[in-house]
Structures are given as C-alpha cells and as structure tokens.
Amino acid sequence: MVHGFETGQTVVRRDVHRSGRVWSEQALRVVDDTGEALVTACVPGAQARWPALYAQARAQGDRSVRTEAFDAMAKGEWGLADAVWQETDLLLWKPPTSWFSVNAFFIPDGDGRRLRNWYVNFEHPTRRTEAGFDTLDLTVDLVIAPDLTRWEWKDEDEYAHVRRLGIVSDTEHRAVDAARGEVLPMLTERSGIFAQAERWSAWRWDPAWPTPRLPRPVATTLR
C-alpha cells in the first residue's frame, strides 16, 4: 500500500505507455497531499528524463521532431535522455481520478516571480507508486491567462496525430472529451482549484528545498 507523501518530499512523475514502458520522468517536490489533490512543484534545474527525440525537439525548437517522437512511440521504439527542467517554476495540481492536471507556470519578475499562465494538461488519472505517481500525457492542453479571463486550446494538431497513430484510443478520447467538459465550467464558475486561484497565484518555491533530483535508477533506458 502506498501512503500519502510528506510536504517537501521528492517524488517522481512518470508518463507510462500502455505497454508499461516509461515515456518520461520528472523529479518534483510535494507541496501538499490531500484526498482532493496531490500538489507538487519543481524549479529550473530539476532533473528529468525525456524521450531522446522530444529532448532534441526542445533543444532545437523544432516541432516536427516532436511528431517524429510520437511516431517512435507508436512503433515502441524510443530511448530516454537525461534532461533538466528549464525557465519556469512549476506548480502542479493533480486530482487523483481526473483525466487532467492543472499547472501554474511562474517566471522571473524583478527580484521575484510572477504567474505567467495556468495550463491544463489532459492525461491519465494518477496511479500512485512508492516513488511518486504514474500518468500519461495525452498531448492536448488548455492555456489560461493568469486572471482566468481568456483561454485557448493548444496542440490540437498533435492530438489529432496521436489519435491517428492509435496512441490515444477511442476510450481515452471519450475521457478527454468529458474532461474538457469538466474543466471549462470550473473556469467560468471559478470552482475546483480555480476557487483558490488567488492563493495559488501567490505560491512561491520554498528556498530551503534543494532542486529536485531523480533517484537512480528509476527506469531503465529503453531501446
């Protein structure tokens, strides 16, 4: 049985393909762990492992390489590359049974940080592990202005591509559609996490916390 996590504890978010193979890993620290949600965070320099092609796409700013990464995923042919989180402080709010997480990205602002945007990531419900939790990013996202007044869908083209490849099944697609219908009322009604938007907008990384590092080994690099 996996128990609750302690505030400040390092945990690992893994994206796990239906084959059971690990697609990515991200080191995070626990902000809060309740029945409502697991709240975690990281800062620039936090350790990660990403699919090699995905890491290449980020380094080169070439979205076409991301498409190649999804093609490799569909074929079951990918390897993991060491990486680090860059640029933003991330706060991640993950309800255990929801097909989405809500993320807040913070950027430098003078001597401090400010909220750049909210970001809803559509993904599998959480499966707790001894080291953290497993999910799977389903590519489509919702980007939301800091004041919650504007939003736009992101990566619909990639979502269509992974649907064609069969990475996202019809069952998963229906779950994503239902999750979209759940999130939009949360925004308009300021419910769920958005009822606490002011509180979370004021969140800042605890400077006493070291930058999150992955325990080694967590997953074997894949062929």
C-alpha atoms as a PDB file:
ATOM      1  CA  MET A   1       0.000   0.000   0.000  1.00  0.00           C
ATOM      2  CA  VAL A   2       1.317   3.452  -0.965  1.00  0.00           C
ATOM      3  CA  HIS A   3       0.747   6.043   1.749  1.00  0.00           C
ATOM      4  CA  GLY A   4       0.498   9.816   1.465  1.00  0.00           C
ATOM      5  CA  PHE A   5       3.579  11.883   0.755  1.00  0.00           C
ATOM      6  CA  GLU A   6       5.141  14.412   3.112  1.00  0.00           C
ATOM      7  CA  THR A   7       5.495  18.099   2.251  1.00  0.00           C
ATOM      8  CA  GLY A   8       8.975  18.677   0.834  1.00  0.00           C
ATOM      9  CA  GLN A   9       9.438  15.039  -0.127  1.00  0.00           C
ATOM     10  CA  THR A  10      10.890  14.307  -3.572  1.00  0.00           C
ATOM     11  CA  VAL A  11       8.548  12.327  -5.832  1.00  0.00           C
ATOM     12  CA  VAL A  12       8.778  11.219  -9.447  1.00  0.00           C
ATOM     13  CA  ARG A  13       6.056  11.780 -12.017  1.00  0.00           C
ATOM     14  CA  ARG A  14       6.306   9.139 -14.734  1.00  0.00           C
ATOM     15  CA  ASP A  15       4.443   9.077 -18.036  1.00  0.00           C
ATOM     16  CA  VAL A  16       3.886   5.393 -18.737  1.00  0.00           C
ATOM     17  CA  HIS A  17       2.796   3.943 -22.077  1.00  0.00           C
ATOM     18  CA  ARG A  18       0.067   1.283 -22.095  1.00  0.00           C
ATOM     19  CA  SER A  19       2.813  -1.294 -22.743  1.00  0.00           C
ATOM     20  CA  GLY A  20       4.178  -0.487 -19.286  1.00  0.00           C
ATOM     21  CA  ARG A  21       7.257   1.223 -20.704  1.00  0.00           C
ATOM     22  CA  VAL A  22       8.265   4.597 -19.306  1.00  0.00           C
ATOM     23  CA  TRP A  23       7.920   7.557 -21.680  1.00  0.00           C
ATOM     24  CA  SER A  24       9.264  10.254 -19.343  1.00  0.00           C
ATOM     25  CA  GLU A  25      10.213  11.008 -15.740  1.00  0.00           C
ATOM     26  CA  GLN A  26      10.194  14.293 -13.825  1.00  0.00           C
ATOM     27  CA  ALA A  27      11.521  14.961 -10.310  1.00  0.00           C
ATOM     28  CA  LEU A  28       9.147  17.067  -8.178  1.00  0.00           C
ATOM     29  CA  ARG A  29       8.739  18.121  -4.550  1.00  0.00           C
ATOM     30  CA  VAL A  30       5.478  17.680  -2.651  1.00  0.00           C
ATOM     31  CA  VAL A  31       3.684  20.905  -1.704  1.00  0.00           C
ATOM     32  CA  ASP A  32       0.556  19.230  -0.322  1.00  0.00           C
ATOM     33  CA  ASP A  33      -1.061  15.808  -0.441  1.00  0.00           C
ATOM     34  CA  THR A  34      -4.746  15.540   0.392  1.00  0.00           C
ATOM     35  CA  GLY A  35      -7.693  13.470  -0.752  1.00  0.00           C
ATOM     36  CA  GLU A  36      -8.578  16.305  -3.116  1.00  0.00           C
ATOM     37  CA  ALA A  37      -5.268  16.514  -4.948  1.00  0.00           C
ATOM     38  CA  LEU A  38      -1.549  15.861  -4.912  1.00  0.00           C
ATOM     39  CA  VAL A  39       0.191  19.227  -5.324  1.00  0.00           C
ATOM     40  CA  THR A  40       3.818  19.117  -6.450  1.00  0.00           C
ATOM     41  CA  ALA A  41       6.358  21.578  -7.810  1.00  0.00           C
ATOM     42  CA  CYS A  42       9.755  21.981  -9.424  1.00  0.00           C
ATOM     43  CA  VAL A  43      12.148  24.741 -10.450  1.00  0.00           C
ATOM     44  CA  PRO A  44      14.756  25.182 -13.208  1.00  0.00           C
ATOM     45  CA  GLY A  45      17.451  22.568 -12.866  1.00  0.00           C
ATOM     46  CA  ALA A  46      15.122  19.813 -11.649  1.00  0.00           C
ATOM     47  CA  GLN A  47      16.158  16.501 -13.140  1.00  0.00           C
ATOM     48  CA  ALA A  48      14.098  14.740 -15.791  1.00  0.00           C
ATOM     49  CA  ARG A  49      14.351  12.041 -18.432  1.00  0.00           C
ATOM     50  CA  TRP A  50      12.572  12.595 -21.725  1.00  0.00           C
ATOM     51  CA  PRO A  51      12.349  10.629 -24.973  1.00  0.00           C
ATOM     52  CA  ALA A  52      15.530  11.453 -26.913  1.00  0.00           C
ATOM     53  CA  LEU A  53      13.630  12.877 -29.895  1.00  0.00           C
ATOM     54  CA  TYR A  54      11.450  15.005 -27.616  1.00  0.00           C
ATOM     55  CA  ALA A  55      14.540  16.379 -25.884  1.00  0.00           C
ATOM     56  CA  GLN A  56      16.014  17.120 -29.314  1.00  0.00           C
ATOM     57  CA  ALA A  57      12.838  18.961 -30.346  1.00  0.00           C
ATOM     58  CA  ARG A  58      13.019  21.158 -27.236  1.00  0.00           C
ATOM     59  CA  ALA A  59      16.715  21.899 -27.757  1.00  0.00           C
ATOM     60  CA  GLN A  60      16.229  22.804 -31.428  1.00  0.00           C
ATOM     61  CA  GLY A  61      12.795  24.422 -31.136  1.00  0.00           C
ATOM     62  CA  ASP A  62      11.640  22.126 -33.951  1.00  0.00           C
ATOM     63  CA  ARG A  63       8.081  20.856 -33.536  1.00  0.00           C
ATOM     64  CA  SER A  64       8.475  18.465 -36.477  1.00  0.00           C
ATOM     65  CA  VAL A  65      10.851  16.414 -34.336  1.00  0.00           C
ATOM     66  CA  ARG A  66       8.086  16.122 -31.728  1.00  0.00           C
ATOM     67  CA  THR A  67       5.988  14.469 -34.444  1.00  0.00           C
ATOM     68  CA  GLU A  68       8.842  12.017 -35.008  1.00  0.00           C
ATOM     69  CA  ALA A  69       8.865  11.312 -31.276  1.00  0.00           C
ATOM     70  CA  PHE A  70       5.192  10.324 -31.378  1.00  0.00           C
ATOM     71  CA  ASP A  71       5.848   8.149 -34.439  1.00  0.00           C
ATOM     72  CA  ALA A  72       8.571   6.387 -32.443  1.00  0.00           C
ATOM     73  CA  MET A  73       6.159   5.961 -29.530  1.00  0.00           C
ATOM     74  CA  ALA A  74       3.597   4.300 -31.807  1.00  0.00           C
ATOM     75  CA  LYS A  75       6.286   1.867 -33.004  1.00  0.00           C
ATOM     76  CA  GLY A  76       7.517   1.199 -29.475  1.00  0.00           C
ATOM     77  CA  GLU A  77      10.977   2.475 -30.397  1.00  0.00           C
ATOM     78  CA  TRP A  78      12.336   5.167 -28.107  1.00  0.00           C
ATOM     79  CA  GLY A  79      15.118   5.812 -25.631  1.00  0.00           C
ATOM     80  CA  LEU A  80      15.297   8.169 -22.666  1.00  0.00           C
ATOM     81  CA  ALA A  81      17.723  11.086 -22.457  1.00  0.00           C
ATOM     82  CA  ASP A  82      18.761  12.934 -19.310  1.00  0.00           C
ATOM     83  CA  ALA A  83      17.295  16.440 -19.165  1.00  0.00           C
ATOM     84  CA  VAL A  84      16.591  19.308 -16.775  1.00  0.00           C
ATOM     85  CA  TRP A  85      13.530  21.476 -16.262  1.00  0.00           C
ATOM     86  CA  GLN A  86      14.138  24.974 -17.643  1.00  0.00           C
ATOM     87  CA  GLU A  87      12.946  28.579 -17.334  1.00  0.00           C
ATOM     88  CA  THR A  88       9.845  28.313 -15.136  1.00  0.00           C
ATOM     89  CA  ASP A  89       8.832  27.384 -11.619  1.00  0.00           C
ATOM     90  CA  LEU A  90       6.065  24.788 -11.961  1.00  0.00           C
ATOM     91  CA  LEU A  91       3.191  24.143  -9.567  1.00  0.00           C
ATOM     92  CA  LEU A  92       1.184  21.028 -10.471  1.00  0.00           C
ATOM     93  CA  TRP A  93      -2.259  20.218  -9.014  1.00  0.00           C
ATOM     94  CA  LYS A  94      -3.362  16.658  -9.786  1.00  0.00           C
ATOM     95  CA  PRO A  95      -6.732  15.294  -8.606  1.00  0.00           C
ATOM     96  CA  PRO A  96      -6.268  11.514  -8.321  1.00  0.00           C
ATOM     97  CA  THR A  97      -9.157  10.343 -10.532  1.00  0.00           C
ATOM     98  CA  SER A  98      -9.278  13.189 -13.058  1.00  0.00           C
ATOM     99  CA  TRP A  99      -8.152  12.972 -16.669  1.00  0.00           C
ATOM    100  CA  PHE A 100      -6.274  16.246 -16.300  1.00  0.00           C
ATOM    101  CA  SER A 101      -3.863  18.188 -14.123  1.00  0.00           C
ATOM    102  CA  VAL A 102      -3.815  21.946 -13.580  1.00  0.00           C
ATOM    103  CA  ASN A 103      -0.394  23.571 -13.777  1.00  0.00           C
ATOM    104  CA  ALA A 104       0.797  27.081 -12.948  1.00  0.00           C
ATOM    105  CA  PHE A 105       3.974  28.450 -14.533  1.00  0.00           C
ATOM    106  CA  PHE A 106       5.943  31.223 -12.812  1.00  0.00           C
ATOM    107  CA  ILE A 107       8.652  33.346 -14.442  1.00  0.00           C
ATOM    108  CA  PRO A 108      11.212  35.869 -13.123  1.00  0.00           C
ATOM    109  CA  ASP A 109       9.857  39.335 -12.380  1.00  0.00           C
ATOM    110  CA  GLY A 110      12.424  41.715 -10.959  1.00  0.00           C
ATOM    111  CA  ASP A 111      13.694  40.161  -7.748  1.00  0.00           C
ATOM    112  CA  GLY A 112      10.752  37.776  -7.529  1.00  0.00           C
ATOM    113  CA  ARG A 113       8.463  35.604  -9.639  1.00  0.00           C
ATOM    114  CA  ARG A 114       5.062  36.140 -11.194  1.00  0.00           C
ATOM    115  CA  LEU A 115       2.435  33.822 -12.616  1.00  0.00           C
ATOM    116  CA  ARG A 116       2.850  33.575 -16.394  1.00  0.00           C
ATOM    117  CA  ASN A 117      -0.176  31.371 -17.084  1.00  0.00           C
ATOM    118  CA  TRP A 118      -2.278  28.432 -15.991  1.00  0.00           C
ATOM    119  CA  TYR A 119      -2.102  25.275 -18.083  1.00  0.00           C
ATOM    120  CA  VAL A 120      -4.448  22.295 -18.087  1.00  0.00           C
ATOM    121  CA  ASN A 121      -2.731  19.107 -19.172  1.00  0.00           C
ATOM    122  CA  PHE A 122      -5.064  16.305 -20.257  1.00  0.00           C
ATOM    123  CA  GLU A 123      -3.657  12.995 -19.050  1.00  0.00           C
ATOM    124  CA  HIS A 124      -4.435   9.694 -17.376  1.00  0.00           C
ATOM    125  CA  PRO A 125      -5.689   9.553 -13.782  1.00  0.00           C
ATOM    126  CA  THR A 126      -2.989   9.099 -11.158  1.00  0.00           C
ATOM    127  CA  ARG A 127      -1.608   5.713 -10.193  1.00  0.00           C
ATOM    128  CA  ARG A 128       0.447   6.064  -7.007  1.00  0.00           C
ATOM    129  CA  THR A 129       3.844   4.372  -6.765  1.00  0.00           C
ATOM    130  CA  GLU A 130       6.361   4.123  -3.931  1.00  0.00           C
ATOM    131  CA  ALA A 131       8.438   6.810  -5.682  1.00  0.00           C
ATOM    132  CA  GLY A 132       5.604   9.127  -6.758  1.00  0.00           C
ATOM    133  CA  PHE A 133       2.884   8.693  -9.354  1.00  0.00           C
ATOM    134  CA  ASP A 134       2.296   7.463 -12.898  1.00  0.00           C
ATOM    135  CA  THR A 135       0.121   9.025 -15.587  1.00  0.00           C
ATOM    136  CA  LEU A 136       0.324   9.581 -19.366  1.00  0.00           C
ATOM    137  CA  ASP A 137       0.209  12.935 -21.131  1.00  0.00           C
ATOM    138  CA  LEU A 138      -2.396  12.789 -23.918  1.00  0.00           C
ATOM    139  CA  THR A 139      -0.906  15.840 -25.749  1.00  0.00           C
ATOM    140  CA  VAL A 140      -3.855  18.243 -25.900  1.00  0.00           C
ATOM    141  CA  ASP A 141      -3.750  21.194 -23.484  1.00  0.00           C
ATOM    142  CA  LEU A 142      -5.619  24.329 -22.428  1.00  0.00           C
ATOM    143  CA  VAL A 143      -3.602  27.533 -21.859  1.00  0.00           C
ATOM    144  CA  ILE A 144      -5.253  30.046 -19.499  1.00  0.00           C
ATOM    145  CA  ALA A 145      -4.415  33.684 -18.760  1.00  0.00           C
ATOM    146  CA  PRO A 146      -3.257  34.473 -15.195  1.00  0.00           C
ATOM    147  CA  ASP A 147      -6.530  36.270 -14.409  1.00  0.00           C
ATOM    148  CA  LEU A 148      -8.591  33.339 -15.820  1.00  0.00           C
ATOM    149  CA  THR A 149     -10.421  35.588 -18.286  1.00  0.00           C
ATOM    150  CA  ARG A 150      -9.021  34.097 -21.517  1.00  0.00           C
ATOM    151  CA  TRP A 151      -8.025  30.631 -22.667  1.00  0.00           C
ATOM    152  CA  GLU A 152      -7.120  28.753 -25.822  1.00  0.00           C
ATOM    153  CA  TRP A 153      -6.596  25.140 -26.822  1.00  0.00           C
ATOM    154  CA  LYS A 154      -3.045  24.031 -27.595  1.00  0.00           C
ATOM    155  CA  ASP A 155      -1.557  21.142 -29.592  1.00  0.00           C
ATOM    156  CA  GLU A 156      -4.811  20.051 -31.232  1.00  0.00           C
ATOM    157  CA  ASP A 157      -2.727  19.094 -34.294  1.00  0.00           C
ATOM    158  CA  GLU A 158      -0.554  16.757 -32.231  1.00  0.00           C
ATOM    159  CA  TYR A 159      -3.634  15.326 -30.570  1.00  0.00           C
ATOM    160  CA  ALA A 160      -5.120  14.523 -33.983  1.00  0.00           C
ATOM    161  CA  HIS A 161      -1.814  12.892 -34.945  1.00  0.00           C
ATOM    162  CA  VAL A 162      -1.622  10.644 -31.864  1.00  0.00           C
ATOM    163  CA  ARG A 163      -5.266   9.710 -32.441  1.00  0.00           C
ATOM    164  CA  ARG A 164      -4.390   8.610 -35.992  1.00  0.00           C
ATOM    165  CA  LEU A 165      -1.417   6.638 -34.653  1.00  0.00           C
ATOM    166  CA  GLY A 166      -3.613   4.859 -32.105  1.00  0.00           C
ATOM    167  CA  ILE A 167      -1.624   6.209 -29.148  1.00  0.00           C
ATOM    168  CA  VAL A 168      -4.868   7.699 -27.830  1.00  0.00           C
ATOM    169  CA  SER A 169      -7.627   5.104 -28.036  1.00  0.00           C
ATOM    170  CA  ASP A 170     -11.329   5.796 -28.595  1.00  0.00           C
ATOM    171  CA  THR A 171     -11.947   5.164 -24.889  1.00  0.00           C
ATOM    172  CA  GLU A 172      -9.236   7.649 -23.914  1.00  0.00           C
ATOM    173  CA  HIS A 173     -10.597  10.151 -26.432  1.00  0.00           C
ATOM    174  CA  ARG A 174     -14.036   9.977 -24.827  1.00  0.00           C
ATOM    175  CA  ALA A 175     -12.441  10.502 -21.410  1.00  0.00           C
ATOM    176  CA  VAL A 176     -10.571  13.564 -22.716  1.00  0.00           C
ATOM    177  CA  ASP A 177     -13.776  14.985 -24.173  1.00  0.00           C
ATOM    178  CA  ALA A 178     -15.502  14.515 -20.815  1.00  0.00           C
ATOM    179  CA  ALA A 179     -12.559  16.153 -19.038  1.00  0.00           C
ATOM    180  CA  ARG A 180     -12.726  19.140 -21.387  1.00  0.00           C
ATOM    181  CA  GLY A 181     -16.375  19.491 -20.447  1.00  0.00           C
ATOM    182  CA  GLU A 182     -15.422  19.345 -16.760  1.00  0.00           C
ATOM    183  CA  VAL A 183     -12.626  21.924 -16.899  1.00  0.00           C
ATOM    184  CA  LEU A 184     -14.406  24.721 -18.778  1.00  0.00           C
ATOM    185  CA  PRO A 185     -17.192  25.091 -16.171  1.00  0.00           C
ATOM    186  CA  MET A 186     -14.500  25.124 -13.463  1.00  0.00           C
ATOM    187  CA  LEU A 187     -13.054  28.157 -15.216  1.00  0.00           C
ATOM    188  CA  THR A 188     -16.297  30.020 -15.774  1.00  0.00           C
ATOM    189  CA  GLU A 189     -17.632  29.233 -12.295  1.00  0.00           C
ATOM    190  CA  ARG A 190     -14.261  29.643 -10.519  1.00  0.00           C
ATOM    191  CA  SER A 191     -14.667  26.229  -8.907  1.00  0.00           C
ATOM    192  CA  GLY A 192     -12.214  23.424  -8.111  1.00  0.00           C
ATOM    193  CA  ILE A 193      -8.646  24.698  -7.984  1.00  0.00           C
ATOM    194  CA  PHE A 194      -9.759  27.933  -9.633  1.00  0.00           C
ATOM    195  CA  ALA A 195     -11.737  28.769  -6.496  1.00  0.00           C
ATOM    196  CA  GLN A 196      -8.289  29.010  -4.876  1.00  0.00           C
ATOM    197  CA  ALA A 197      -6.641  30.831  -7.779  1.00  0.00           C
ATOM    198  CA  GLU A 198      -5.573  33.820  -5.711  1.00  0.00           C
ATOM    199  CA  ARG A 199      -3.931  31.584  -3.113  1.00  0.00           C
ATOM    200  CA  TRP A 200      -2.047  29.525  -5.653  1.00  0.00           C
ATOM    201  CA  SER A 201      -1.044  32.593  -7.680  1.00  0.00           C
ATOM    202  CA  ALA A 202       0.827  33.772  -4.577  1.00  0.00           C
ATOM    203  CA  TRP A 203       2.685  30.459  -4.186  1.00  0.00           C
ATOM    204  CA  ARG A 204       6.481  30.580  -4.280  1.00  0.00           C
ATOM    205  CA  TRP A 205       9.104  27.846  -4.168  1.00  0.00           C
ATOM    206  CA  ASP A 206      10.475  27.252  -0.678  1.00  0.00           C
ATOM    207  CA  PRO A 207      14.144  28.342  -0.896  1.00  0.00           C
ATOM    208  CA  ALA A 208      15.030  25.776   1.773  1.00  0.00           C
ATOM    209  CA  TRP A 209      14.168  22.989  -0.670  1.00  0.00           C
ATOM    210  CA  PRO A 210      17.021  21.637  -2.816  1.00  0.00           C
ATOM    211  CA  THR A 211      16.373  21.331  -6.541  1.00  0.00           C
ATOM    212  CA  PRO A 212      14.571  18.007  -7.145  1.00  0.00           C
ATOM    213  CA  ARG A 213      16.739  15.144  -8.348  1.00  0.00           C
ATOM    214  CA  LEU A 214      15.726  11.776  -9.740  1.00  0.00           C
ATOM    215  CA  PRO A 215      16.648   8.734  -7.682  1.00  0.00           C
ATOM    216  CA  ARG A 216      18.726   6.380  -9.800  1.00  0.00           C
ATOM    217  CA  PRO A 217      17.773   4.126 -11.276  1.00  0.00           C
ATOM    218  CA  VAL A 218      14.023   4.764 -11.561  1.00  0.00           C
ATOM    219  CA  ALA A 219      13.546   3.331 -15.016  1.00  0.00           C
ATOM    220  CA  THR A 220      15.753   1.512 -17.460  1.00  0.00           C
ATOM    221  CA  THR A 221      16.629   3.418 -20.639  1.00  0.00           C
ATOM    222  CA  LEU A 222      14.571   1.837 -23.380  1.00  0.00           C
ATOM    223  CA  ARG A 223      15.626   0.636 -26.786  1.00  0.00           C
END
